Amino acid sequence: EFPLDMTEAHCGFPARLMLPKGKQSGMP
């Protein structure tokens, strides 16, 4: 089956990039 929620929005910000990289020791 082709699921009903297969279609993906084109207009959302990439979830992967939600957070900045920060630092290994922790960045405030």
mmCIF file of all heavy atoms, coordinates in Angstrom:
data_MODEL
# 
_entry.id   MODEL 
# 
loop_
_atom_site.group_PDB 
_atom_site.id 
_atom_site.type_symbol 
_atom_site.label_atom_id 
_atom_site.label_alt_id 
_atom_site.label_comp_id 
_atom_site.label_asym_id 
_atom_site.label_entity_id 
_atom_site.label_seq_id 
_atom_site.pdbx_PDB_ins_code 
_atom_site.Cartn_x 
_atom_site.Cartn_y 
_atom_site.Cartn_z 
_atom_site.occupancy 
_atom_site.B_iso_or_equiv 
_atom_site.pdbx_formal_charge 
_atom_site.auth_seq_id 
_atom_site.auth_comp_id 
_atom_site.auth_asym_id 
_atom_site.auth_atom_id 
_atom_site.pdbx_PDB_model_num 
ATOM 1   N N   . GLU A 1 1  ? 0.819  -1.197 0.000  1.00 0.00 ? 1  GLU A N   1 
ATOM 2   C CA  . GLU A 1 1  ? 0.000  0.000  0.000  1.00 0.00 ? 1  GLU A CA  1 
ATOM 3   C C   . GLU A 1 1  ? 0.860  1.256  0.000  1.00 0.00 ? 1  GLU A C   1 
ATOM 4   O O   . GLU A 1 1  ? 1.957  1.266  0.542  1.00 0.00 ? 1  GLU A O   1 
ATOM 5   C CB  . GLU A 1 1  ? -0.919 0.014  1.225  1.00 0.00 ? 1  GLU A CB  1 
ATOM 6   C CG  . GLU A 1 1  ? -1.973 -1.080 1.214  1.00 0.00 ? 1  GLU A CG  1 
ATOM 7   C CD  . GLU A 1 1  ? -2.904 -0.980 2.417  1.00 0.00 ? 1  GLU A CD  1 
ATOM 8   O OE1 . GLU A 1 1  ? -2.659 -0.100 3.274  1.00 0.00 ? 1  GLU A OE1 1 
ATOM 9   O OE2 . GLU A 1 1  ? -3.864 -1.762 2.487  1.00 0.00 ? 1  GLU A OE2 1 
ATOM 10  N N   . PHE A 1 2  ? 0.338  2.271  -0.630 1.00 0.00 ? 2  PHE A N   1 
ATOM 11  C CA  . PHE A 1 2  ? 0.969  3.588  -0.574 1.00 0.00 ? 2  PHE A CA  1 
ATOM 12  C C   . PHE A 1 2  ? 0.272  4.345  0.554  1.00 0.00 ? 2  PHE A C   1 
ATOM 13  O O   . PHE A 1 2  ? -0.889 4.738  0.410  1.00 0.00 ? 2  PHE A O   1 
ATOM 14  C CB  . PHE A 1 2  ? 0.777  4.315  -1.908 1.00 0.00 ? 2  PHE A CB  1 
ATOM 15  C CG  . PHE A 1 2  ? 1.637  5.534  -2.070 1.00 0.00 ? 2  PHE A CG  1 
ATOM 16  C CD1 . PHE A 1 2  ? 2.934  5.429  -2.536 1.00 0.00 ? 2  PHE A CD1 1 
ATOM 17  C CD2 . PHE A 1 2  ? 1.151  6.798  -1.760 1.00 0.00 ? 2  PHE A CD2 1 
ATOM 18  C CE1 . PHE A 1 2  ? 3.727  6.546  -2.709 1.00 0.00 ? 2  PHE A CE1 1 
ATOM 19  C CE2 . PHE A 1 2  ? 1.931  7.926  -1.922 1.00 0.00 ? 2  PHE A CE2 1 
ATOM 20  C CZ  . PHE A 1 2  ? 3.232  7.795  -2.395 1.00 0.00 ? 2  PHE A CZ  1 
ATOM 21  N N   . PRO A 1 3  ? 0.916  4.516  1.714  1.00 0.00 ? 3  PRO A N   1 
ATOM 22  C CA  . PRO A 1 3  ? 0.233  5.058  2.894  1.00 0.00 ? 3  PRO A CA  1 
ATOM 23  C C   . PRO A 1 3  ? -0.274 6.476  2.678  1.00 0.00 ? 3  PRO A C   1 
ATOM 24  O O   . PRO A 1 3  ? 0.285  7.249  1.898  1.00 0.00 ? 3  PRO A O   1 
ATOM 25  C CB  . PRO A 1 3  ? 1.315  5.009  3.973  1.00 0.00 ? 3  PRO A CB  1 
ATOM 26  C CG  . PRO A 1 3  ? 2.604  5.020  3.227  1.00 0.00 ? 3  PRO A CG  1 
ATOM 27  C CD  . PRO A 1 3  ? 2.340  4.283  1.956  1.00 0.00 ? 3  PRO A CD  1 
ATOM 28  N N   . LEU A 1 4  ? -1.298 6.820  3.402  1.00 0.00 ? 4  LEU A N   1 
ATOM 29  C CA  . LEU A 1 4  ? -1.901 8.141  3.266  1.00 0.00 ? 4  LEU A CA  1 
ATOM 30  C C   . LEU A 1 4  ? -0.937 9.254  3.645  1.00 0.00 ? 4  LEU A C   1 
ATOM 31  O O   . LEU A 1 4  ? -1.069 10.382 3.179  1.00 0.00 ? 4  LEU A O   1 
ATOM 32  C CB  . LEU A 1 4  ? -3.164 8.238  4.135  1.00 0.00 ? 4  LEU A CB  1 
ATOM 33  C CG  . LEU A 1 4  ? -4.325 7.323  3.730  1.00 0.00 ? 4  LEU A CG  1 
ATOM 34  C CD1 . LEU A 1 4  ? -5.456 7.474  4.715  1.00 0.00 ? 4  LEU A CD1 1 
ATOM 35  C CD2 . LEU A 1 4  ? -4.798 7.650  2.330  1.00 0.00 ? 4  LEU A CD2 1 
ATOM 36  N N   . ASP A 1 5  ? 0.009  8.956  4.539  1.00 0.00 ? 5  ASP A N   1 
ATOM 37  C CA  . ASP A 1 5  ? 0.925  10.006 4.989  1.00 0.00 ? 5  ASP A CA  1 
ATOM 38  C C   . ASP A 1 5  ? 2.264  9.930  4.274  1.00 0.00 ? 5  ASP A C   1 
ATOM 39  O O   . ASP A 1 5  ? 3.265  10.408 4.753  1.00 0.00 ? 5  ASP A O   1 
ATOM 40  C CB  . ASP A 1 5  ? 1.131  9.932  6.504  1.00 0.00 ? 5  ASP A CB  1 
ATOM 41  C CG  . ASP A 1 5  ? 1.788  8.627  6.939  1.00 0.00 ? 5  ASP A CG  1 
ATOM 42  O OD1 . ASP A 1 5  ? 1.892  7.707  6.097  1.00 0.00 ? 5  ASP A OD1 1 
ATOM 43  O OD2 . ASP A 1 5  ? 2.187  8.533  8.108  1.00 0.00 ? 5  ASP A OD2 1 
ATOM 44  N N   . MET A 1 6  ? 2.274  9.314  3.098  1.00 0.00 ? 6  MET A N   1 
ATOM 45  C CA  . MET A 1 6  ? 3.523  9.190  2.359  1.00 0.00 ? 6  MET A CA  1 
ATOM 46  C C   . MET A 1 6  ? 4.009  10.553 1.871  1.00 0.00 ? 6  MET A C   1 
ATOM 47  O O   . MET A 1 6  ? 5.201  10.839 1.840  1.00 0.00 ? 6  MET A O   1 
ATOM 48  C CB  . MET A 1 6  ? 3.315  8.258  1.154  1.00 0.00 ? 6  MET A CB  1 
ATOM 49  C CG  . MET A 1 6  ? 4.571  8.016  0.328  1.00 0.00 ? 6  MET A CG  1 
ATOM 50  S SD  . MET A 1 6  ? 5.803  7.112  1.272  1.00 0.00 ? 6  MET A SD  1 
ATOM 51  C CE  . MET A 1 6  ? 7.206  7.197  0.155  1.00 0.00 ? 6  MET A CE  1 
ATOM 52  N N   . THR A 1 7  ? 3.070  11.401 1.476  1.00 0.00 ? 7  THR A N   1 
ATOM 53  C CA  . THR A 1 7  ? 3.451  12.700 0.943  1.00 0.00 ? 7  THR A CA  1 
ATOM 54  C C   . THR A 1 7  ? 4.186  13.534 1.981  1.00 0.00 ? 7  THR A C   1 
ATOM 55  O O   . THR A 1 7  ? 3.768  13.618 3.130  1.00 0.00 ? 7  THR A O   1 
ATOM 56  C CB  . THR A 1 7  ? 2.215  13.464 0.452  1.00 0.00 ? 7  THR A CB  1 
ATOM 57  O OG1 . THR A 1 7  ? 1.569  12.673 -0.544 1.00 0.00 ? 7  THR A OG1 1 
ATOM 58  C CG2 . THR A 1 7  ? 2.601  14.798 -0.146 1.00 0.00 ? 7  THR A CG2 1 
ATOM 59  N N   . GLU A 1 8  ? 5.284  14.149 1.564  1.00 0.00 ? 8  GLU A N   1 
ATOM 60  C CA  . GLU A 1 8  ? 6.125  14.921 2.472  1.00 0.00 ? 8  GLU A CA  1 
ATOM 61  C C   . GLU A 1 8  ? 6.017  16.405 2.147  1.00 0.00 ? 8  GLU A C   1 
ATOM 62  O O   . GLU A 1 8  ? 6.007  16.795 0.988  1.00 0.00 ? 8  GLU A O   1 
ATOM 63  C CB  . GLU A 1 8  ? 7.579  14.457 2.335  1.00 0.00 ? 8  GLU A CB  1 
ATOM 64  C CG  . GLU A 1 8  ? 7.749  12.984 2.656  1.00 0.00 ? 8  GLU A CG  1 
ATOM 65  C CD  . GLU A 1 8  ? 9.008  12.390 2.046  1.00 0.00 ? 8  GLU A CD  1 
ATOM 66  O OE1 . GLU A 1 8  ? 9.330  12.744 0.907  1.00 0.00 ? 8  GLU A OE1 1 
ATOM 67  O OE2 . GLU A 1 8  ? 9.638  11.569 2.710  1.00 0.00 ? 8  GLU A OE2 1 
ATOM 68  N N   . ALA A 1 9  ? 5.920  17.217 3.178  1.00 0.00 ? 9  ALA A N   1 
ATOM 69  C CA  . ALA A 1 9  ? 5.821  18.655 2.969  1.00 0.00 ? 9  ALA A CA  1 
ATOM 70  C C   . ALA A 1 9  ? 7.137  19.194 2.422  1.00 0.00 ? 9  ALA A C   1 
ATOM 71  O O   . ALA A 1 9  ? 8.212  18.730 2.763  1.00 0.00 ? 9  ALA A O   1 
ATOM 72  C CB  . ALA A 1 9  ? 5.482  19.356 4.271  1.00 0.00 ? 9  ALA A CB  1 
ATOM 73  N N   . HIS A 1 10 ? 7.023  20.190 1.569  1.00 0.00 ? 10 HIS A N   1 
ATOM 74  C CA  . HIS A 1 10 ? 8.219  20.806 1.003  1.00 0.00 ? 10 HIS A CA  1 
ATOM 75  C C   . HIS A 1 10 ? 8.613  22.059 1.762  1.00 0.00 ? 10 HIS A C   1 
ATOM 76  O O   . HIS A 1 10 ? 9.654  22.633 1.496  1.00 0.00 ? 10 HIS A O   1 
ATOM 77  C CB  . HIS A 1 10 ? 7.953  21.187 -0.461 1.00 0.00 ? 10 HIS A CB  1 
ATOM 78  C CG  . HIS A 1 10 ? 6.922  22.256 -0.614 1.00 0.00 ? 10 HIS A CG  1 
ATOM 79  N ND1 . HIS A 1 10 ? 5.570  21.978 -0.707 1.00 0.00 ? 10 HIS A ND1 1 
ATOM 80  C CD2 . HIS A 1 10 ? 7.014  23.609 -0.660 1.00 0.00 ? 10 HIS A CD2 1 
ATOM 81  C CE1 . HIS A 1 10 ? 4.900  23.103 -0.818 1.00 0.00 ? 10 HIS A CE1 1 
ATOM 82  N NE2 . HIS A 1 10 ? 5.748  24.121 -0.782 1.00 0.00 ? 10 HIS A NE2 1 
ATOM 83  N N   . CYS A 1 11 ? 7.773  22.508 2.699  1.00 0.00 ? 11 CYS A N   1 
ATOM 84  C CA  . CYS A 1 11 ? 7.944  23.856 3.239  1.00 0.00 ? 11 CYS A CA  1 
ATOM 85  C C   . CYS A 1 11 ? 8.488  23.895 4.669  1.00 0.00 ? 11 CYS A C   1 
ATOM 86  O O   . CYS A 1 11 ? 8.590  24.971 5.238  1.00 0.00 ? 11 CYS A O   1 
ATOM 87  C CB  . CYS A 1 11 ? 6.606  24.591 3.197  1.00 0.00 ? 11 CYS A CB  1 
ATOM 88  S SG  . CYS A 1 11 ? 5.268  23.698 3.994  1.00 0.00 ? 11 CYS A SG  1 
ATOM 89  N N   . GLY A 1 12 ? 8.820  22.777 5.261  1.00 0.00 ? 12 GLY A N   1 
ATOM 90  C CA  . GLY A 1 12 ? 9.329  22.792 6.622  1.00 0.00 ? 12 GLY A CA  1 
ATOM 91  C C   . GLY A 1 12 ? 10.842 22.915 6.677  1.00 0.00 ? 12 GLY A C   1 
ATOM 92  O O   . GLY A 1 12 ? 11.560 22.463 5.779  1.00 0.00 ? 12 GLY A O   1 
ATOM 93  N N   . PHE A 1 13 ? 11.339 23.521 7.748  1.00 0.00 ? 13 PHE A N   1 
ATOM 94  C CA  . PHE A 1 13 ? 12.779 23.637 7.968  1.00 0.00 ? 13 PHE A CA  1 
ATOM 95  C C   . PHE A 1 13 ? 13.330 22.245 8.272  1.00 0.00 ? 13 PHE A C   1 
ATOM 96  O O   . PHE A 1 13 ? 12.672 21.436 8.929  1.00 0.00 ? 13 PHE A O   1 
ATOM 97  C CB  . PHE A 1 13 ? 13.040 24.569 9.146  1.00 0.00 ? 13 PHE A CB  1 
ATOM 98  C CG  . PHE A 1 13 ? 14.475 24.979 9.305  1.00 0.00 ? 13 PHE A CG  1 
ATOM 99  C CD1 . PHE A 1 13 ? 15.003 25.987 8.522  1.00 0.00 ? 13 PHE A CD1 1 
ATOM 100 C CD2 . PHE A 1 13 ? 15.291 24.359 10.234 1.00 0.00 ? 13 PHE A CD2 1 
ATOM 101 C CE1 . PHE A 1 13 ? 16.327 26.379 8.663  1.00 0.00 ? 13 PHE A CE1 1 
ATOM 102 C CE2 . PHE A 1 13 ? 16.614 24.740 10.390 1.00 0.00 ? 13 PHE A CE2 1 
ATOM 103 C CZ  . PHE A 1 13 ? 17.142 25.754 9.593  1.00 0.00 ? 13 PHE A CZ  1 
ATOM 104 N N   . PRO A 1 14 ? 14.547 21.903 7.797  1.00 0.00 ? 14 PRO A N   1 
ATOM 105 C CA  . PRO A 1 14 ? 15.086 20.560 8.054  1.00 0.00 ? 14 PRO A CA  1 
ATOM 106 C C   . PRO A 1 14 ? 15.179 20.261 9.549  1.00 0.00 ? 14 PRO A C   1 
ATOM 107 O O   . PRO A 1 14 ? 15.815 21.003 10.306 1.00 0.00 ? 14 PRO A O   1 
ATOM 108 C CB  . PRO A 1 14 ? 16.480 20.621 7.421  1.00 0.00 ? 14 PRO A CB  1 
ATOM 109 C CG  . PRO A 1 14 ? 16.397 21.712 6.401  1.00 0.00 ? 14 PRO A CG  1 
ATOM 110 C CD  . PRO A 1 14 ? 15.444 22.724 6.964  1.00 0.00 ? 14 PRO A CD  1 
ATOM 111 N N   . ALA A 1 15 ? 14.541 19.188 9.965  1.00 0.00 ? 15 ALA A N   1 
ATOM 112 C CA  . ALA A 1 15 ? 14.533 18.830 11.384 1.00 0.00 ? 15 ALA A CA  1 
ATOM 113 C C   . ALA A 1 15 ? 15.947 18.584 11.898 1.00 0.00 ? 15 ALA A C   1 
ATOM 114 O O   . ALA A 1 15 ? 16.251 18.854 13.064 1.00 0.00 ? 15 ALA A O   1 
ATOM 115 C CB  . ALA A 1 15 ? 13.662 17.594 11.606 1.00 0.00 ? 15 ALA A CB  1 
ATOM 116 N N   . ARG A 1 16 ? 16.826 18.078 11.047 1.00 0.00 ? 16 ARG A N   1 
ATOM 117 C CA  . ARG A 1 16 ? 18.204 17.803 11.464 1.00 0.00 ? 16 ARG A CA  1 
ATOM 118 C C   . ARG A 1 16 ? 18.910 19.062 11.951 1.00 0.00 ? 16 ARG A C   1 
ATOM 119 O O   . ARG A 1 16 ? 19.806 19.003 12.797 1.00 0.00 ? 16 ARG A O   1 
ATOM 120 C CB  . ARG A 1 16 ? 19.021 17.225 10.307 1.00 0.00 ? 16 ARG A CB  1 
ATOM 121 C CG  . ARG A 1 16 ? 18.591 15.890 9.795  1.00 0.00 ? 16 ARG A CG  1 
ATOM 122 C CD  . ARG A 1 16 ? 19.428 15.487 8.600  1.00 0.00 ? 16 ARG A CD  1 
ATOM 123 N NE  . ARG A 1 16 ? 19.299 16.411 7.488  1.00 0.00 ? 16 ARG A NE  1 
ATOM 124 C CZ  . ARG A 1 16 ? 20.128 17.410 7.218  1.00 0.00 ? 16 ARG A CZ  1 
ATOM 125 N NH1 . ARG A 1 16 ? 21.170 17.633 7.994  1.00 0.00 ? 16 ARG A NH1 1 
ATOM 126 N NH2 . ARG A 1 16 ? 19.940 18.199 6.176  1.00 0.00 ? 16 ARG A NH2 1 
ATOM 127 N N   . LEU A 1 17 ? 18.543 20.208 11.367 1.00 0.00 ? 17 LEU A N   1 
ATOM 128 C CA  . LEU A 1 17 ? 19.235 21.465 11.651 1.00 0.00 ? 17 LEU A CA  1 
ATOM 129 C C   . LEU A 1 17 ? 18.517 22.293 12.703 1.00 0.00 ? 17 LEU A C   1 
ATOM 130 O O   . LEU A 1 17 ? 18.765 23.482 12.849 1.00 0.00 ? 17 LEU A O   1 
ATOM 131 C CB  . LEU A 1 17 ? 19.381 22.280 10.364 1.00 0.00 ? 17 LEU A CB  1 
ATOM 132 C CG  . LEU A 1 17 ? 20.145 21.597 9.233  1.00 0.00 ? 17 LEU A CG  1 
ATOM 133 C CD1 . LEU A 1 17 ? 20.208 22.493 8.004  1.00 0.00 ? 17 LEU A CD1 1 
ATOM 134 C CD2 . LEU A 1 17 ? 21.551 21.214 9.674  1.00 0.00 ? 17 LEU A CD2 1 
ATOM 135 N N   . MET A 1 18 ? 17.628 21.668 13.447 1.00 0.00 ? 18 MET A N   1 
ATOM 136 C CA  . MET A 1 18 ? 16.888 22.374 14.484 1.00 0.00 ? 18 MET A CA  1 
ATOM 137 C C   . MET A 1 18 ? 17.825 23.004 15.507 1.00 0.00 ? 18 MET A C   1 
ATOM 138 O O   . MET A 1 18 ? 17.618 24.131 15.957 1.00 0.00 ? 18 MET A O   1 
ATOM 139 C CB  . MET A 1 18 ? 15.941 21.388 15.184 1.00 0.00 ? 18 MET A CB  1 
ATOM 140 C CG  . MET A 1 18 ? 15.025 21.994 16.208 1.00 0.00 ? 18 MET A CG  1 
ATOM 141 S SD  . MET A 1 18 ? 14.115 20.694 17.082 1.00 0.00 ? 18 MET A SD  1 
ATOM 142 C CE  . MET A 1 18 ? 13.318 19.825 15.744 1.00 0.00 ? 18 MET A CE  1 
ATOM 143 N N   . LEU A 1 19 ? 18.881 22.278 15.867 1.00 0.00 ? 19 LEU A N   1 
ATOM 144 C CA  . LEU A 1 19 ? 19.824 22.761 16.877 1.00 0.00 ? 19 LEU A CA  1 
ATOM 145 C C   . LEU A 1 19 ? 21.156 23.119 16.238 1.00 0.00 ? 19 LEU A C   1 
ATOM 146 O O   . LEU A 1 19 ? 21.622 22.408 15.334 1.00 0.00 ? 19 LEU A O   1 
ATOM 147 C CB  . LEU A 1 19 ? 20.060 21.687 17.944 1.00 0.00 ? 19 LEU A CB  1 
ATOM 148 C CG  . LEU A 1 19 ? 18.852 21.190 18.731 1.00 0.00 ? 19 LEU A CG  1 
ATOM 149 C CD1 . LEU A 1 19 ? 19.294 20.112 19.722 1.00 0.00 ? 19 LEU A CD1 1 
ATOM 150 C CD2 . LEU A 1 19 ? 18.159 22.331 19.460 1.00 0.00 ? 19 LEU A CD2 1 
ATOM 151 N N   . PRO A 1 20 ? 21.804 24.191 16.697 1.00 0.00 ? 20 PRO A N   1 
ATOM 152 C CA  . PRO A 1 20 ? 23.174 24.470 16.256 1.00 0.00 ? 20 PRO A CA  1 
ATOM 153 C C   . PRO A 1 20 ? 24.131 23.426 16.807 1.00 0.00 ? 20 PRO A C   1 
ATOM 154 O O   . PRO A 1 20 ? 23.803 22.713 17.761 1.00 0.00 ? 20 PRO A O   1 
ATOM 155 C CB  . PRO A 1 20 ? 23.456 25.855 16.836 1.00 0.00 ? 20 PRO A CB  1 
ATOM 156 C CG  . PRO A 1 20 ? 22.553 25.961 18.016 1.00 0.00 ? 20 PRO A CG  1 
ATOM 157 C CD  . PRO A 1 20 ? 21.312 25.186 17.662 1.00 0.00 ? 20 PRO A CD  1 
ATOM 158 N N   . LYS A 1 21 ? 25.312 23.364 16.231 1.00 0.00 ? 21 LYS A N   1 
ATOM 159 C CA  . LYS A 1 21 ? 26.247 22.291 16.576 1.00 0.00 ? 21 LYS A CA  1 
ATOM 160 C C   . LYS A 1 21 ? 26.629 22.284 18.043 1.00 0.00 ? 21 LYS A C   1 
ATOM 161 O O   . LYS A 1 21 ? 26.753 21.219 18.664 1.00 0.00 ? 21 LYS A O   1 
ATOM 162 C CB  . LYS A 1 21 ? 27.513 22.417 15.720 1.00 0.00 ? 21 LYS A CB  1 
ATOM 163 C CG  . LYS A 1 21 ? 28.477 21.249 15.896 1.00 0.00 ? 21 LYS A CG  1 
ATOM 164 C CD  . LYS A 1 21 ? 29.733 21.430 15.072 1.00 0.00 ? 21 LYS A CD  1 
ATOM 165 C CE  . LYS A 1 21 ? 30.689 22.404 15.732 1.00 0.00 ? 21 LYS A CE  1 
ATOM 166 N NZ  . LYS A 1 21 ? 32.027 22.414 15.090 1.00 0.00 ? 21 LYS A NZ  1 
ATOM 167 N N   . GLY A 1 22 ? 26.789 23.468 18.656 1.00 0.00 ? 22 GLY A N   1 
ATOM 168 C CA  . GLY A 1 22 ? 27.256 23.498 20.032 1.00 0.00 ? 22 GLY A CA  1 
ATOM 169 C C   . GLY A 1 22 ? 28.728 23.128 20.114 1.00 0.00 ? 22 GLY A C   1 
ATOM 170 O O   . GLY A 1 22 ? 29.472 23.206 19.128 1.00 0.00 ? 22 GLY A O   1 
ATOM 171 N N   . LYS A 1 23 ? 29.159 22.673 21.310 1.00 0.00 ? 23 LYS A N   1 
ATOM 172 C CA  . LYS A 1 23 ? 30.560 22.307 21.505 1.00 0.00 ? 23 LYS A CA  1 
ATOM 173 C C   . LYS A 1 23 ? 30.661 21.020 22.303 1.00 0.00 ? 23 LYS A C   1 
ATOM 174 O O   . LYS A 1 23 ? 29.724 20.619 22.998 1.00 0.00 ? 23 LYS A O   1 
ATOM 175 C CB  . LYS A 1 23 ? 31.316 23.437 22.203 1.00 0.00 ? 23 LYS A CB  1 
ATOM 176 C CG  . LYS A 1 23 ? 31.413 24.703 21.352 1.00 0.00 ? 23 LYS A CG  1 
ATOM 177 C CD  . LYS A 1 23 ? 32.275 25.771 21.987 1.00 0.00 ? 23 LYS A CD  1 
ATOM 178 C CE  . LYS A 1 23 ? 32.411 26.964 21.050 1.00 0.00 ? 23 LYS A CE  1 
ATOM 179 N NZ  . LYS A 1 23 ? 33.227 28.052 21.628 1.00 0.00 ? 23 LYS A NZ  1 
ATOM 180 N N   . GLN A 1 24 ? 31.820 20.393 22.186 1.00 0.00 ? 24 GLN A N   1 
ATOM 181 C CA  . GLN A 1 24 ? 31.995 19.086 22.813 1.00 0.00 ? 24 GLN A CA  1 
ATOM 182 C C   . GLN A 1 24 ? 31.804 19.152 24.323 1.00 0.00 ? 24 GLN A C   1 
ATOM 183 O O   . GLN A 1 24 ? 31.214 18.258 24.932 1.00 0.00 ? 24 GLN A O   1 
ATOM 184 C CB  . GLN A 1 24 ? 33.378 18.527 22.479 1.00 0.00 ? 24 GLN A CB  1 
ATOM 185 C CG  . GLN A 1 24 ? 33.568 17.081 22.908 1.00 0.00 ? 24 GLN A CG  1 
ATOM 186 C CD  . GLN A 1 24 ? 34.832 16.477 22.318 1.00 0.00 ? 24 GLN A CD  1 
ATOM 187 O OE1 . GLN A 1 24 ? 35.621 17.165 21.691 1.00 0.00 ? 24 GLN A OE1 1 
ATOM 188 N NE2 . GLN A 1 24 ? 35.017 15.187 22.508 1.00 0.00 ? 24 GLN A NE2 1 
ATOM 189 N N   . SER A 1 25 ? 32.275 20.215 24.934 1.00 0.00 ? 25 SER A N   1 
ATOM 190 C CA  . SER A 1 25 ? 32.146 20.355 26.385 1.00 0.00 ? 25 SER A CA  1 
ATOM 191 C C   . SER A 1 25 ? 30.805 20.953 26.796 1.00 0.00 ? 25 SER A C   1 
ATOM 192 O O   . SER A 1 25 ? 30.532 21.114 27.983 1.00 0.00 ? 25 SER A O   1 
ATOM 193 C CB  . SER A 1 25 ? 33.278 21.223 26.931 1.00 0.00 ? 25 SER A CB  1 
ATOM 194 O OG  . SER A 1 25 ? 33.260 22.507 26.320 1.00 0.00 ? 25 SER A OG  1 
ATOM 195 N N   . GLY A 1 26 ? 29.993 21.275 25.814 1.00 0.00 ? 26 GLY A N   1 
ATOM 196 C CA  . GLY A 1 26 ? 28.700 21.892 26.089 1.00 0.00 ? 26 GLY A CA  1 
ATOM 197 C C   . GLY A 1 26 ? 28.759 23.393 25.882 1.00 0.00 ? 26 GLY A C   1 
ATOM 198 O O   . GLY A 1 26 ? 29.612 24.079 26.451 1.00 0.00 ? 26 GLY A O   1 
ATOM 199 N N   . MET A 1 27 ? 27.868 23.927 25.062 1.00 0.00 ? 27 MET A N   1 
ATOM 200 C CA  . MET A 1 27 ? 27.837 25.368 24.794 1.00 0.00 ? 27 MET A CA  1 
ATOM 201 C C   . MET A 1 27 ? 26.537 25.947 25.330 1.00 0.00 ? 27 MET A C   1 
ATOM 202 O O   . MET A 1 27 ? 25.448 25.436 25.045 1.00 0.00 ? 27 MET A O   1 
ATOM 203 C CB  . MET A 1 27 ? 27.940 25.637 23.294 1.00 0.00 ? 27 MET A CB  1 
ATOM 204 C CG  . MET A 1 27 ? 27.959 27.118 22.959 1.00 0.00 ? 27 MET A CG  1 
ATOM 205 S SD  . MET A 1 27 ? 28.298 27.422 21.225 1.00 0.00 ? 27 MET A SD  1 
ATOM 206 C CE  . MET A 1 27 ? 28.223 29.219 21.208 1.00 0.00 ? 27 MET A CE  1 
ATOM 207 N N   . PRO A 1 28 ? 26.613 27.013 26.121 1.00 0.00 ? 28 PRO A N   1 
ATOM 208 C CA  . PRO A 1 28 ? 25.397 27.587 26.716 1.00 0.00 ? 28 PRO A CA  1 
ATOM 209 C C   . PRO A 1 28 ? 24.494 28.255 25.676 1.00 0.00 ? 28 PRO A C   1 
ATOM 210 O O   . PRO A 1 28 ? 24.954 29.011 24.824 1.00 0.00 ? 28 PRO A O   1 
ATOM 211 C CB  . PRO A 1 28 ? 25.936 28.627 27.706 1.00 0.00 ? 28 PRO A CB  1 
ATOM 212 C CG  . PRO A 1 28 ? 27.375 28.277 27.909 1.00 0.00 ? 28 PRO A CG  1 
ATOM 213 C CD  . PRO A 1 28 ? 27.827 27.683 26.616 1.00 0.00 ? 28 PRO A CD  1 
# 
